[in-house]
N, C-alpha and C. Protein backbone atom coordinates (compact mmCIF):
# COMPACT_ATOMS: atom_id res chain seq x y z
N MET A 1 0.97 -1.01 -0.02
CA MET A 1 -0.21 0.15 0.12
C MET A 1 0.84 1.25 -0.01
N ALA A 2 0.61 2.19 -0.77
CA ALA A 2 1.14 3.35 -0.98
C ALA A 2 1.02 4.30 0.35
N THR A 3 2.16 4.83 0.85
CA THR A 3 2.00 6.13 1.80
C THR A 3 1.71 7.29 1.43
N ALA A 4 1.10 8.00 2.17
CA ALA A 4 0.90 9.65 1.78
C ALA A 4 2.13 9.92 1.16
N SER A 5 3.28 9.71 2.25
CA SER A 5 4.46 10.50 1.77
C SER A 5 5.14 10.03 0.31
N GLU A 6 4.90 8.69 -0.01
CA GLU A 6 5.45 8.35 -1.57
C GLU A 6 4.59 9.26 -2.30
N VAL A 7 3.49 9.21 -2.34
CA VAL A 7 2.42 9.96 -3.19
C VAL A 7 2.99 11.52 -3.23
N LYS A 8 3.38 12.01 -2.13
CA LYS A 8 3.63 13.71 -2.23
C LYS A 8 4.93 13.64 -2.94
N ALA A 9 5.88 12.63 -2.60
CA ALA A 9 7.24 12.99 -3.32
C ALA A 9 6.91 12.38 -4.67
N LEU A 10 6.32 11.73 -5.04
CA LEU A 10 5.99 11.32 -6.62
C LEU A 10 5.44 12.47 -7.24
N PHE A 11 4.49 13.36 -6.57
CA PHE A 11 3.83 14.37 -7.15
C PHE A 11 4.90 15.62 -7.19
N ARG A 12 5.72 15.61 -6.04
CA ARG A 12 6.64 17.00 -6.22
C ARG A 12 7.63 16.56 -7.12
N ALA A 13 8.25 15.17 -7.43
CA ALA A 13 8.77 15.00 -8.47
C ALA A 13 8.50 15.24 -10.09
N PHE A 14 7.21 15.15 -10.21
CA PHE A 14 6.31 15.45 -11.44
C PHE A 14 6.42 16.92 -11.61
N LEU A 15 6.05 17.74 -10.63
CA LEU A 15 6.26 19.09 -10.80
C LEU A 15 7.83 19.55 -10.70
N ARG A 16 8.49 18.85 -10.42
CA ARG A 16 10.11 19.34 -10.49
C ARG A 16 10.72 19.05 -11.96
N GLU A 17 10.33 18.04 -12.34
CA GLU A 17 10.63 17.29 -13.77
C GLU A 17 9.93 18.38 -15.09
N GLY A 18 8.60 18.55 -14.60
CA GLY A 18 7.91 19.62 -15.64
C GLY A 18 8.50 20.90 -15.89
N ARG A 19 9.41 21.28 -14.36
CA ARG A 19 9.66 22.39 -14.43
C ARG A 19 10.98 22.63 -15.51
N ARG A 20 11.80 21.39 -15.51
CA ARG A 20 12.92 21.45 -16.43
C ARG A 20 12.87 21.74 -17.88
N TYR A 21 11.46 21.56 -18.42
CA TYR A 21 11.27 21.73 -19.76
C TYR A 21 11.40 23.30 -20.20
N ASN A 22 12.26 23.60 -21.51
CA ASN A 22 12.37 25.07 -21.75
C ASN A 22 11.18 25.72 -22.65
N ASN A 23 10.48 24.46 -23.12
CA ASN A 23 9.31 24.89 -23.93
C ASN A 23 8.09 25.24 -22.82
N TYR A 24 7.53 26.70 -23.07
CA TYR A 24 6.65 26.65 -22.17
C TYR A 24 5.27 25.78 -22.33
N ASN A 25 4.71 25.70 -23.34
CA ASN A 25 3.85 25.10 -23.54
C ASN A 25 3.77 23.29 -22.99
N VAL A 26 4.90 22.86 -23.06
CA VAL A 26 5.08 21.34 -22.64
C VAL A 26 5.20 21.35 -20.94
N ARG A 27 5.96 22.64 -20.78
CA ARG A 27 6.05 22.71 -19.06
C ARG A 27 4.70 22.71 -18.58
N GLU A 28 3.98 23.57 -18.83
CA GLU A 28 2.95 23.79 -18.40
C GLU A 28 1.71 22.50 -18.46
N TYR A 29 1.96 22.05 -19.48
CA TYR A 29 0.85 20.54 -19.76
C TYR A 29 1.43 19.76 -18.98
N ILE A 30 2.64 19.44 -18.70
CA ILE A 30 3.17 18.36 -17.67
C ILE A 30 2.69 18.84 -16.37
N ILE A 31 3.00 20.10 -15.95
CA ILE A 31 2.46 20.31 -14.51
C ILE A 31 0.72 20.55 -14.34
N ARG A 32 0.36 20.58 -15.36
CA ARG A 32 -1.16 20.70 -15.40
C ARG A 32 -1.88 19.08 -15.23
N VAL A 33 -0.97 18.18 -16.05
CA VAL A 33 -1.37 16.83 -16.06
C VAL A 33 -1.33 16.25 -14.88
N ALA A 34 -0.18 16.58 -14.23
CA ALA A 34 0.39 15.95 -12.77
C ALA A 34 -0.76 16.65 -11.94
N LYS A 35 -1.12 17.77 -11.92
CA LYS A 35 -2.16 18.11 -10.91
C LYS A 35 -3.51 17.42 -10.88
N GLU A 36 -3.66 17.31 -12.06
CA GLU A 36 -5.17 16.55 -12.18
C GLU A 36 -4.95 15.24 -12.11
N ARG A 37 -3.71 14.59 -12.29
CA ARG A 37 -3.72 13.13 -11.84
C ARG A 37 -3.85 12.83 -10.62
N PHE A 38 -3.14 13.63 -9.56
CA PHE A 38 -2.87 13.80 -8.31
C PHE A 38 -4.38 14.15 -7.61
N ARG A 39 -5.05 14.93 -8.09
CA ARG A 39 -6.00 15.46 -7.16
C ARG A 39 -7.27 14.46 -7.38
N THR A 40 -7.43 13.59 -8.45
CA THR A 40 -8.21 12.51 -8.33
C THR A 40 -8.29 11.66 -7.07
N SER A 41 -9.26 11.05 -6.69
CA SER A 41 -9.22 10.00 -5.55
C SER A 41 -9.36 8.33 -6.38
N PRO A 42 -8.21 7.89 -6.54
CA PRO A 42 -8.43 6.67 -7.25
C PRO A 42 -8.74 5.57 -6.60
N SER A 43 -9.56 4.66 -6.79
CA SER A 43 -9.78 3.60 -6.33
C SER A 43 -8.98 2.38 -6.06
N ASP A 44 -7.80 2.00 -6.89
CA ASP A 44 -6.92 1.40 -6.81
C ASP A 44 -5.71 2.08 -6.74
N VAL A 45 -5.21 2.56 -5.78
CA VAL A 45 -4.08 3.54 -5.49
C VAL A 45 -2.64 2.89 -5.87
N ALA A 46 -2.49 1.60 -5.74
CA ALA A 46 -1.09 0.99 -5.97
C ALA A 46 -0.95 0.96 -7.58
N ALA A 47 -2.16 0.56 -8.31
CA ALA A 47 -1.91 0.60 -9.89
C ALA A 47 -1.75 1.76 -10.36
N LYS A 48 -2.43 3.13 -9.72
CA LYS A 48 -2.11 4.23 -9.97
C LYS A 48 -0.87 5.06 -9.74
N LEU A 49 -0.11 4.33 -8.50
CA LEU A 49 0.96 4.84 -8.16
C LEU A 49 1.86 4.21 -9.10
N ALA A 50 1.57 3.05 -9.49
CA ALA A 50 2.70 2.12 -10.36
C ALA A 50 2.72 2.91 -11.71
N GLU A 51 1.56 3.21 -12.33
CA GLU A 51 1.27 4.16 -13.51
C GLU A 51 2.15 5.38 -14.00
N ALA A 52 1.67 6.36 -12.56
CA ALA A 52 2.61 7.60 -12.44
C ALA A 52 3.95 7.41 -12.51
N LYS A 53 4.66 6.16 -11.63
CA LYS A 53 6.02 6.13 -11.73
C LYS A 53 6.67 5.99 -13.19
N LYS A 54 5.88 5.17 -14.19
CA LYS A 54 5.94 4.92 -15.06
C LYS A 54 6.42 6.30 -16.03
N ASP A 55 4.81 6.94 -15.90
CA ASP A 55 5.03 8.09 -16.44
C ASP A 55 6.22 9.14 -16.19
N LEU A 56 6.39 9.22 -14.90
CA LEU A 56 7.31 10.17 -14.35
C LEU A 56 8.73 9.70 -15.11
N ALA A 57 9.17 8.50 -15.33
CA ALA A 57 10.64 8.08 -15.83
C ALA A 57 10.20 8.62 -17.47
N LEU A 58 9.17 8.48 -17.88
CA LEU A 58 8.92 8.98 -19.47
C LEU A 58 9.46 10.45 -19.52
N VAL A 59 8.81 11.41 -18.53
CA VAL A 59 8.66 12.64 -18.50
C VAL A 59 10.17 12.92 -18.29
N LYS A 60 11.03 12.36 -17.58
CA LYS A 60 12.32 12.42 -17.39
C LYS A 60 13.36 12.37 -18.48
N ARG A 61 13.11 11.36 -19.41
CA ARG A 61 13.44 11.04 -20.54
C ARG A 61 13.41 12.17 -21.68
N GLN A 62 12.20 12.64 -21.48
CA GLN A 62 11.93 13.46 -22.58
C GLN A 62 12.30 14.98 -22.38
N ALA A 63 12.64 15.21 -21.23
CA ALA A 63 13.16 16.51 -20.57
C ALA A 63 14.59 16.62 -21.12
N ILE A 64 15.28 15.40 -21.15
CA ILE A 64 16.65 15.41 -21.44
C ILE A 64 16.64 15.53 -23.13
N VAL A 65 15.77 14.89 -23.76
CA VAL A 65 15.92 15.05 -24.95
C VAL A 65 15.15 16.77 -25.63
N TYR A 66 14.40 17.46 -25.01
CA TYR A 66 13.89 18.33 -25.22
C TYR A 66 15.16 19.60 -24.97
N GLN A 67 15.86 19.14 -23.94
CA GLN A 67 16.97 20.37 -23.52
C GLN A 67 18.21 19.87 -24.77
N LEU A 68 18.45 18.54 -25.20
CA LEU A 68 19.41 18.61 -26.21
C LEU A 68 18.89 19.41 -27.53
N TYR A 69 18.12 19.37 -27.69
CA TYR A 69 17.42 20.34 -29.11
C TYR A 69 16.58 21.18 -28.99
N ALA A 70 16.61 21.86 -27.77
CA ALA A 70 16.07 23.03 -27.68
C ALA A 70 16.80 24.43 -28.38
N GLY A 71 15.62 25.07 -29.01
CA GLY A 71 16.23 26.47 -29.54
C GLY A 71 16.73 27.46 -28.75
N PRO A 72 17.22 28.42 -29.22
CA PRO A 72 16.93 29.64 -28.62
C PRO A 72 15.94 30.61 -28.48
N ILE A 73 15.28 30.33 -29.23
CA ILE A 73 13.65 31.29 -29.49
C ILE A 73 12.91 30.78 -27.90
N LYS A 74 12.43 31.57 -27.42
CA LYS A 74 11.59 31.55 -26.33
C LYS A 74 10.20 31.75 -26.84
N ASN A 75 9.13 31.38 -25.94
CA ASN A 75 7.85 31.74 -26.15
C ASN A 75 7.62 33.22 -25.74
N VAL A 76 6.36 33.80 -26.25
CA VAL A 76 6.24 35.23 -26.38
C VAL A 76 5.93 35.27 -24.81
N LEU A 77 5.29 34.45 -23.94
CA LEU A 77 4.89 34.42 -22.55
C LEU A 77 6.34 34.43 -21.91
N GLU A 78 7.71 34.00 -22.43
CA GLU A 78 8.73 33.66 -21.49
C GLU A 78 9.56 34.69 -21.85
N LEU A 79 9.25 35.75 -22.78
CA LEU A 79 10.32 37.00 -23.10
C LEU A 79 10.48 37.89 -21.63
N ASP A 80 11.35 38.22 -21.42
CA ASP A 80 11.69 39.11 -20.54
C ASP A 80 11.64 40.59 -21.19
N VAL A 81 10.77 41.32 -21.10
CA VAL A 81 10.57 42.48 -21.62
C VAL A 81 10.66 43.73 -20.59
N ASP A 82 11.50 44.89 -21.30
CA ASP A 82 11.84 45.74 -20.32
C ASP A 82 10.65 46.23 -20.12
N LYS A 83 10.30 46.62 -19.22
CA LYS A 83 8.70 47.46 -18.60
C LYS A 83 8.78 48.88 -19.09
N ALA A 84 9.64 49.69 -19.02
CA ALA A 84 9.94 50.78 -19.29
C ALA A 84 9.39 50.97 -20.97
N VAL A 85 10.08 49.98 -21.72
CA VAL A 85 10.17 49.94 -23.07
C VAL A 85 9.10 49.58 -23.43
N ALA A 86 8.06 48.70 -22.60
CA ALA A 86 6.58 48.34 -23.00
C ALA A 86 5.65 49.26 -22.74
N SER A 87 5.86 50.17 -21.60
CA SER A 87 4.90 51.17 -21.40
C SER A 87 5.22 52.22 -22.40
N ALA A 88 6.42 52.61 -22.78
CA ALA A 88 6.38 53.47 -23.79
C ALA A 88 5.83 53.28 -25.19
N ARG A 89 5.84 51.96 -25.70
CA ARG A 89 5.23 51.62 -26.69
C ARG A 89 3.66 51.55 -26.83
N LEU A 90 3.21 51.16 -25.38
CA LEU A 90 1.99 51.34 -25.47
C LEU A 90 1.38 52.62 -25.38
N LYS A 91 1.89 53.79 -24.48
CA LYS A 91 1.41 55.18 -24.78
C LYS A 91 1.66 55.50 -26.17
N GLU A 92 2.66 55.14 -27.13
CA GLU A 92 2.79 55.76 -28.46
C GLU A 92 1.57 54.85 -29.46
N LEU A 93 1.44 53.80 -29.16
CA LEU A 93 -0.03 53.02 -29.86
C LEU A 93 -1.23 54.04 -29.34
N HIS A 94 -1.50 54.19 -28.07
CA HIS A 94 -2.68 54.81 -27.96
C HIS A 94 -2.76 56.37 -28.20
N GLN A 95 -1.63 56.89 -28.76
CA GLN A 95 -1.56 58.35 -28.94
C GLN A 95 -1.86 58.38 -30.53
N HIS A 96 -1.76 57.34 -31.20
CA HIS A 96 -2.22 57.25 -32.38
C HIS A 96 -3.73 57.12 -32.74
């Protein structure tokens, strides 16, 4: 029988591995799926835990592959834009 600490550790491992992805969409998808998976109250905890361990191994392997082939381009949501420049651009657009 799986203990609560094992389930919590597995959940934290999923979140940690999800954060390793450079791609915003993949990263958020993995975190969202982990939260959904662990939010449910499964009837067969042992089977669900074994399935989650297999999925975690898959996520770890894919994170390595994504890091090997990741490009330098970031998603628009991840760009670090200078707030002063963005504010000036917005004012300029509203004036026209």
